[in-house]
PDB file of N, CA and C in Angstrom:
ATOM      1  N   MET A   1     -15.088  13.332  -3.725  1.00  0.00           N
ATOM      2  CA  MET A   1     -15.729  12.865  -2.639  1.00  0.00           C
ATOM      3  C   MET A   1     -13.579  12.070  -2.898  1.00  0.00           C
ATOM      4  N   PHE A   2     -12.759  12.172  -4.269  1.00  0.00           N
ATOM      5  CA  PHE A   2     -11.963  11.342  -4.241  1.00  0.00           C
ATOM      6  C   PHE A   2     -10.818  12.418  -3.595  1.00  0.00           C
ATOM      7  N   GLY A   3     -11.156  13.363  -3.767  1.00  0.00           N
ATOM      8  CA  GLY A   3     -10.013  15.489  -3.449  1.00  0.00           C
ATOM      9  C   GLY A   3     -10.351  15.322  -1.863  1.00  0.00           C
ATOM     10  N   MET A   4     -11.001  14.709  -0.776  1.00  0.00           N
ATOM     11  CA  MET A   4     -11.666  15.199   0.316  1.00  0.00           C
ATOM     12  C   MET A   4     -10.414  12.941   0.822  1.00  0.00           C
ATOM     13  N   ALA A   5     -10.138  12.316  -0.092  1.00  0.00           N
ATOM     14  CA  ALA A   5      -9.319  11.417   0.669  1.00  0.00           C
ATOM     15  C   ALA A   5      -8.254  11.692   0.214  1.00  0.00           C
ATOM     16  N   MET A   6      -7.938  12.255  -1.102  1.00  0.00           N
ATOM     17  CA  MET A   6      -6.021  12.317  -1.650  1.00  0.00           C
ATOM     18  C   MET A   6      -5.592  13.261  -0.129  1.00  0.00           C
ATOM     19  N   ASN A   7      -6.693  14.906  -0.134  1.00  0.00           N
ATOM     20  CA  ASN A   7      -6.161  16.243   1.230  1.00  0.00           C
ATOM     21  C   ASN A   7      -6.110  14.691   2.367  1.00  0.00           C
ATOM     22  N   SER A   8      -7.021  13.400   2.948  1.00  0.00           N
ATOM     23  CA  SER A   8      -7.072  13.523   4.204  1.00  0.00           C
ATOM     24  C   SER A   8      -5.346  12.689   4.341  1.00  0.00           C
ATOM     25  N   ALA A   9      -5.742  11.783   2.931  1.00  0.00           N
ATOM     26  CA  ALA A   9      -3.903  11.035   2.670  1.00  0.00           C
ATOM     27  C   ALA A   9      -2.922  11.989   3.314  1.00  0.00           C
ATOM     28  N   LYS A  10      -2.883  13.580   2.416  1.00  0.00           N
ATOM     29  CA  LYS A  10      -1.186  14.325   2.507  1.00  0.00           C
ATOM     30  C   LYS A  10      -1.243  14.851   3.718  1.00  0.00           C
ATOM     31  N   LEU A  11      -2.760  14.784   4.386  1.00  0.00           N
ATOM     32  CA  LEU A  11      -1.738  15.530   6.267  1.00  0.00           C
ATOM     33  C   LEU A  11      -2.001  14.656   7.393  1.00  0.00           C
ATOM     34  N   PHE A  12      -1.987  13.261   6.362  1.00  0.00           N
ATOM     35  CA  PHE A  12      -1.530  11.934   7.574  1.00  0.00           C
ATOM     36  C   PHE A  12       0.033  12.021   7.338  1.00  0.00           C
ATOM     37  N   VAL A  13       0.327  12.087   5.279  1.00  0.00           N
ATOM     38  CA  VAL A  13       1.660  11.712   5.329  1.00  0.00           C
ATOM     39  C   VAL A  13       2.501  12.696   5.888  1.00  0.00           C
ATOM     40  N   THR A  14       1.981  14.116   6.048  1.00  0.00           N
ATOM     41  CA  THR A  14       3.031  15.198   6.550  1.00  0.00           C
ATOM     42  C   THR A  14       2.349  14.771   8.040  1.00  0.00           C
ATOM     43  N   GLY A  15       1.729  14.968   8.456  1.00  0.00           N
ATOM     44  CA  GLY A  15       1.929  14.566  10.035  1.00  0.00           C
ATOM     45  C   GLY A  15       0.721  15.856  10.429  1.00  0.00           C
ATOM     46  N   LYS A  16      -0.270  15.807  10.074  1.00  0.00           N
ATOM     47  CA  LYS A  16      -0.904  16.800  10.439  1.00  0.00           C
ATOM     48  C   LYS A  16      -2.711  16.637  10.472  1.00  0.00           C
ATOM     49  N   LEU A  17      -2.705  15.260  10.628  1.00  0.00           N
ATOM     50  CA  LEU A  17      -4.730  15.297  10.339  1.00  0.00           C
ATOM     51  C   LEU A  17      -4.072  14.872  11.793  1.00  0.00           C
ATOM     52  N   PHE A  18      -3.193  14.106  12.898  1.00  0.00           N
ATOM     53  CA  PHE A  18      -3.708  13.489  13.843  1.00  0.00           C
ATOM     54  C   PHE A  18      -3.224  14.810  15.316  1.00  0.00           C
ATOM     55  N   GLN A  19      -2.848  14.799  16.412  1.00  0.00           N
ATOM     56  CA  GLN A  19      -2.796  15.390  17.256  1.00  0.00           C
ATOM     57  C   GLN A  19      -1.268  14.561  18.229  1.00  0.00           C
ATOM     58  N   ASP A  20      -2.025  13.094  18.338  1.00  0.00           N
ATOM     59  CA  ASP A  20      -0.765  13.138  18.930  1.00  0.00           C
ATOM     60  C   ASP A  20      -0.091  11.322  18.097  1.00  0.00           C
ATOM     61  N   TYR A  21       0.588  11.874  17.398  1.00  0.00           N
ATOM     62  CA  TYR A  21       0.133  10.350  16.167  1.00  0.00           C
ATOM     63  C   TYR A  21       1.638   9.489  16.577  1.00  0.00           C
ATOM     64  N   SER A  22       1.833   9.262  18.462  1.00  0.00           N
ATOM     65  CA  SER A  22       1.472   8.764  19.048  1.00  0.00           C
ATOM     66  C   SER A  22       0.809   7.424  19.123  1.00  0.00           C
ATOM     67  N   LYS A  23      -0.200   7.793  19.736  1.00  0.00           N
ATOM     68  CA  LYS A  23      -1.158   7.585  20.352  1.00  0.00           C
ATOM     69  C   LYS A  23      -1.845   6.331  18.460  1.00  0.00           C
ATOM     70  N   VAL A  24      -2.027   7.176  17.633  1.00  0.00           N
ATOM     71  CA  VAL A  24      -2.324   6.462  16.327  1.00  0.00           C
ATOM     72  C   VAL A  24      -1.396   4.856  16.213  1.00  0.00           C
ATOM     73  N   ILE A  25      -0.396   5.216  16.376  1.00  0.00           N
ATOM     74  CA  ILE A  25       0.482   4.269  15.938  1.00  0.00           C
ATOM     75  C   ILE A  25      -0.048   2.852  16.665  1.00  0.00           C
ATOM     76  N   ARG A  26      -0.181   3.659  17.743  1.00  0.00           N
ATOM     77  CA  ARG A  26       0.077   1.938  19.271  1.00  0.00           C
ATOM     78  C   ARG A  26      -1.076   1.613  18.969  1.00  0.00           C
ATOM     79  N   GLN A  27      -2.606   2.528  18.925  1.00  0.00           N
ATOM     80  CA  GLN A  27      -3.739   1.886  18.329  1.00  0.00           C
ATOM     81  C   GLN A  27      -3.199   0.686  17.236  1.00  0.00           C
ATOM     82  N   MET A  28      -2.702   1.648  15.680  1.00  0.00           N
ATOM     83  CA  MET A  28      -2.294   0.542  14.661  1.00  0.00           C
ATOM     84  C   MET A  28      -2.210  -0.695  14.911  1.00  0.00           C
ATOM     85  N   LEU A  29      -1.062  -0.922  16.193  1.00  0.00           N
ATOM     86  CA  LEU A  29      -0.259  -2.094  16.455  1.00  0.00           C
ATOM     87  C   LEU A  29      -1.047  -2.898  17.406  1.00  0.00           C
ATOM     88  N   ILE A  30      -2.064  -2.161  17.540  1.00  0.00           N
ATOM     89  CA  ILE A  30      -2.730  -2.732  18.614  1.00  0.00           C
ATOM     90  C   ILE A  30      -3.280  -3.687  17.766  1.00  0.00           C
ATOM     91  N   ALA A  31      -4.275  -3.243  17.279  1.00  0.00           N
ATOM     92  CA  ALA A  31      -4.973  -3.900  15.814  1.00  0.00           C
ATOM     93  C   ALA A  31      -4.169  -4.534  15.147  1.00  0.00           C
ATOM     94  N   ILE A  32      -3.121  -5.149  14.802  1.00  0.00           N
ATOM     95  CA  ILE A  32      -2.325  -5.673  13.928  1.00  0.00           C
ATOM     96  C   ILE A  32      -1.646  -6.780  14.855  1.00  0.00           C
ATOM     97  N   ALA A  33      -1.153  -7.163  16.117  1.00  0.00           N
ATOM     98  CA  ALA A  33      -1.265  -8.360  16.789  1.00  0.00           C
ATOM     99  C   ALA A  33      -2.408  -8.947  16.436  1.00  0.00           C
ATOM    100  N   ILE A  34      -4.014  -7.840  17.570  1.00  0.00           N
ATOM    101  CA  ILE A  34      -4.674  -8.606  17.602  1.00  0.00           C
ATOM    102  C   ILE A  34      -4.419  -9.465  16.171  1.00  0.00           C
ATOM    103  N   GLY A  35      -5.412  -9.178  15.238  1.00  0.00           N
ATOM    104  CA  GLY A  35      -5.311 -10.019  14.200  1.00  0.00           C
ATOM    105  C   GLY A  35      -3.268 -10.702  13.574  1.00  0.00           C
ATOM    106  N   VAL A  36      -3.138 -10.479  13.943  1.00  0.00           N
ATOM    107  CA  VAL A  36      -1.454 -11.438  14.058  1.00  0.00           C
ATOM    108  C   VAL A  36      -1.860 -12.957  14.645  1.00  0.00           C
ATOM    109  N   VAL A  37      -2.807 -12.621  15.818  1.00  0.00           N
ATOM    110  CA  VAL A  37      -2.967 -13.990  16.758  1.00  0.00           C
ATOM    111  C   VAL A  37      -3.973 -13.808  16.376  1.00  0.00           C
ATOM    112  N   ILE A  38      -5.055 -13.984  16.200  1.00  0.00           N
ATOM    113  CA  ILE A  38      -5.637 -14.416  15.314  1.00  0.00           C
ATOM    114  C   ILE A  38      -6.278 -15.662  13.833  1.00  0.00           C
ATOM    115  N   LEU A  39      -5.062 -14.761  13.516  1.00  0.00           N
ATOM    116  CA  LEU A  39      -4.870 -16.177  12.094  1.00  0.00           C
ATOM    117  C   LEU A  39      -4.073 -16.608  12.276  1.00  0.00           C
ATOM    118  N   TYR A  40      -2.903 -16.229  12.984  1.00  0.00           N
ATOM    119  CA  TYR A  40      -2.213 -17.829  13.565  1.00  0.00           C
ATOM    120  C   TYR A  40      -3.482 -18.773  14.269  1.00  0.00           C
ATOM    121  N   GLY A  41      -3.874 -18.527  15.243  1.00  0.00           N
ATOM    122  CA  GLY A  41      -4.612 -19.182  16.117  1.00  0.00           C
ATOM    123  C   GLY A  41      -5.828 -19.695  14.978  1.00  0.00           C
ATOM    124  N   VAL A  42      -6.354 -19.242  14.161  1.00  0.00           N
ATOM    125  CA  VAL A  42      -7.407 -19.981  13.543  1.00  0.00           C
ATOM    126  C   VAL A  42      -6.654 -20.514  12.172  1.00  0.00           C
ATOM    127  N   ALA A  43      -5.564 -20.741  12.022  1.00  0.00           N
ATOM    128  CA  ALA A  43      -4.495 -21.601  10.710  1.00  0.00           C
ATOM    129  C   ALA A  43      -4.415 -22.250  11.562  1.00  0.00           C
ATOM    130  N   GLN A  44      -4.909 -23.158  12.740  1.00  0.00           N
ATOM    131  CA  GLN A  44      -4.055 -23.872  13.387  1.00  0.00           C
ATOM    132  C   GLN A  44      -5.235 -25.002  12.603  1.00  0.00           C
ATOM    133  N   VAL A  45      -6.002 -24.408  12.168  1.00  0.00           N
ATOM    134  CA  VAL A  45      -7.606 -25.564  12.762  1.00  0.00           C
ATOM    135  C   VAL A  45      -9.032 -25.194  11.208  1.00  0.00           C
ATOM    136  N   ALA A  46      -8.028 -23.852  10.384  1.00  0.00           N
ATOM    137  CA  ALA A  46      -9.159 -24.098   9.400  1.00  0.00           C
ATOM    138  C   ALA A  46      -7.796 -23.713   8.465  1.00  0.00           C
ATOM    139  N   PRO A  47      -8.467 -23.573   6.987  1.00  0.00           N
ATOM    140  CA  PRO A  47      -7.404 -23.109   6.030  1.00  0.00           C
ATOM    141  C   PRO A  47      -7.270 -21.433   5.938  1.00  0.00           C
ATOM    142  N   ILE A  48      -6.230 -21.872   5.918  1.00  0.00           N
ATOM    143  CA  ILE A  48      -5.261 -19.720   5.921  1.00  0.00           C
ATOM    144  C   ILE A  48      -6.513 -18.826   5.074  1.00  0.00           C
ATOM    145  N   TRP A  49      -6.659 -19.826   4.053  1.00  0.00           N
ATOM    146  CA  TRP A  49      -7.663 -18.335   3.224  1.00  0.00           C
ATOM    147  C   TRP A  49      -8.579 -18.450   4.138  1.00  0.00           C
ATOM    148  N   ALA A  50      -9.807 -18.868   5.052  1.00  0.00           N
ATOM    149  CA  ALA A  50     -10.591 -18.884   6.340  1.00  0.00           C
ATOM    150  C   ALA A  50     -10.467 -18.391   7.419  1.00  0.00           C
ATOM    151  N   ALA A  51      -8.755 -18.678   7.526  1.00  0.00           N
ATOM    152  CA  ALA A  51      -7.872 -16.917   8.796  1.00  0.00           C
ATOM    153  C   ALA A  51      -7.615 -16.102   8.672  1.00  0.00           C
ATOM    154  N   ALA A  52      -7.320 -16.078   6.831  1.00  0.00           N
ATOM    155  CA  ALA A  52      -7.327 -14.965   7.479  1.00  0.00           C
ATOM    156  C   ALA A  52      -8.332 -13.560   6.920  1.00  0.00           C
ATOM    157  N   ALA A  53      -9.518 -14.513   6.546  1.00  0.00           N
ATOM    158  CA  ALA A  53     -11.156 -13.968   6.223  1.00  0.00           C
ATOM    159  C   ALA A  53     -11.111 -13.862   7.721  1.00  0.00           C
ATOM    160  N   VAL A  54     -11.228 -14.654   8.738  1.00  0.00           N
ATOM    161  CA  VAL A  54     -11.545 -14.194   9.781  1.00  0.00           C
ATOM    162  C   VAL A  54     -11.113 -13.532  10.539  1.00  0.00           C
ATOM    163  N   ALA A  55      -9.253 -12.582  10.316  1.00  0.00           N
ATOM    164  CA  ALA A  55      -8.221 -12.320  10.855  1.00  0.00           C
ATOM    165  C   ALA A  55      -9.162 -10.783  10.125  1.00  0.00           C
ATOM    166  N   GLY A  56      -8.892 -11.072   9.141  1.00  0.00           N
ATOM    167  CA  GLY A  56      -9.085  -9.340   8.559  1.00  0.00           C
ATOM    168  C   GLY A  56     -10.255  -8.909   8.912  1.00  0.00           C
ATOM    169  N   ALA A  57     -11.182  -9.720   9.208  1.00  0.00           N
ATOM    170  CA  ALA A  57     -12.713  -9.434   9.679  1.00  0.00           C
ATOM    171  C   ALA A  57     -13.122  -8.728  10.420  1.00  0.00           C
ATOM    172  N   VAL A  58     -11.878  -9.427  12.127  1.00  0.00           N
ATOM    173  CA  VAL A  58     -11.859  -8.734  13.307  1.00  0.00           C
ATOM    174  C   VAL A  58     -10.990  -7.648  13.130  1.00  0.00           C
ATOM    175  N   SER A  59      -9.790  -7.473  12.798  1.00  0.00           N
ATOM    176  CA  SER A  59      -9.259  -6.354  12.442  1.00  0.00           C
ATOM    177  C   SER A  59      -9.593  -4.884  12.572  1.00  0.00           C
ATOM    178  N   GLY A  60     -10.749  -5.150  11.227  1.00  0.00           N
ATOM    179  CA  GLY A  60     -11.320  -4.516  10.521  1.00  0.00           C
ATOM    180  C   GLY A  60     -12.455  -4.072  11.892  1.00  0.00           C
ATOM    181  N   PHE A  61     -13.291  -4.997  12.242  1.00  0.00           N
ATOM    182  CA  PHE A  61     -13.952  -4.469  13.084  1.00  0.00           C
ATOM    183  C   PHE A  61     -13.024  -3.645  14.675  1.00  0.00           C
ATOM    184  N   LEU A  62     -12.112  -4.320  14.802  1.00  0.00           N
ATOM    185  CA  LEU A  62     -11.736  -3.373  16.136  1.00  0.00           C
ATOM    186  C   LEU A  62     -11.235  -2.130  16.058  1.00  0.00           C
ATOM    187  N   GLN A  63     -11.118  -1.612  14.884  1.00  0.00           N
ATOM    188  CA  GLN A  63     -10.132  -0.124  13.767  1.00  0.00           C
ATOM    189  C   GLN A  63     -11.527   0.691  14.894  1.00  0.00           C
ATOM    190  N   PRO A  64     -12.856   0.781  14.949  1.00  0.00           N
ATOM    191  CA  PRO A  64     -13.468   2.024  14.992  1.00  0.00           C
ATOM    192  C   PRO A  64     -13.466   1.625  16.309  1.00  0.00           C
ATOM    193  N   ILE A  65     -13.285   0.605  17.165  1.00  0.00           N
ATOM    194  CA  ILE A  65     -13.920   1.059  19.104  1.00  0.00           C
ATOM    195  C   ILE A  65     -11.783   1.139  19.027  1.00  0.00           C
ATOM    196  N   LEU A  66     -11.345   1.258  18.367  1.00  0.00           N
ATOM    197  CA  LEU A  66      -9.699   1.581  19.308  1.00  0.00           C
ATOM    198  C   LEU A  66      -9.149   2.954  18.489  1.00  0.00           C
ATOM    199  N   PHE A  67     -10.239   3.756  17.766  1.00  0.00           N
ATOM    200  CA  PHE A  67     -10.122   4.751  17.393  1.00  0.00           C
ATOM    201  C   PHE A  67     -11.277   5.731  17.291  1.00  0.00           C
ATOM    202  N   LYS A  68     -11.962   5.226  18.244  1.00  0.00           N
ATOM    203  CA  LYS A  68     -12.655   6.105  18.695  1.00  0.00           C
ATOM    204  C   LYS A  68     -12.456   7.951  19.729  1.00  0.00           C
ATOM    205  N   ASP A  69     -11.126   7.850  19.832  1.00  0.00           N
ATOM    206  CA  ASP A  69     -10.784   8.701  21.336  1.00  0.00           C
ATOM    207  C   ASP A  69      -9.800   9.466  20.401  1.00  0.00           C
ATOM    208  N   LEU A  70      -9.396   9.281  19.628  1.00  0.00           N
ATOM    209  CA  LEU A  70      -8.396   9.792  18.231  1.00  0.00           C
ATOM    210  C   LEU A  70      -8.651  10.647  18.388  1.00  0.00           C
ATOM    211  N   LYS A  71      -7.942  12.567  18.655  1.00  0.00           N
ATOM    212  CA  LYS A  71      -7.819  13.457  18.189  1.00  0.00           C
ATOM    213  C   LYS A  71      -6.964  14.172  16.259  1.00  0.00           C
ATOM    214  N   TYR A  72      -8.337  14.556  15.864  1.00  0.00           N
ATOM    215  CA  TYR A  72      -7.637  15.489  14.668  1.00  0.00           C
ATOM    216  C   TYR A  72      -7.423  17.115  15.096  1.00  0.00           C
ATOM    217  N   ALA A  73      -6.250  17.397  14.260  1.00  0.00           N
ATOM    218  CA  ALA A  73      -5.876  18.329  14.381  1.00  0.00           C
ATOM    219  C   ALA A  73      -6.309  19.628  13.686  1.00  0.00           C
TER     220      ALA A  73
END
């Protein structure tokens, strides 16, 4: 299992994991932006630790949805 994770990390760093890295970066930035907006919004009405938990949960929920159409090399 560790070997598989290391191999995937090596392929990602060398640029051989995905076919279209611009789409990967775009989808990642979308999730980060949504997480930051949710963090800022929830932090206005709740403690920062609760806002961080909510933003992390929402961003984590969005990752599979945003990355479902990515093609591997």
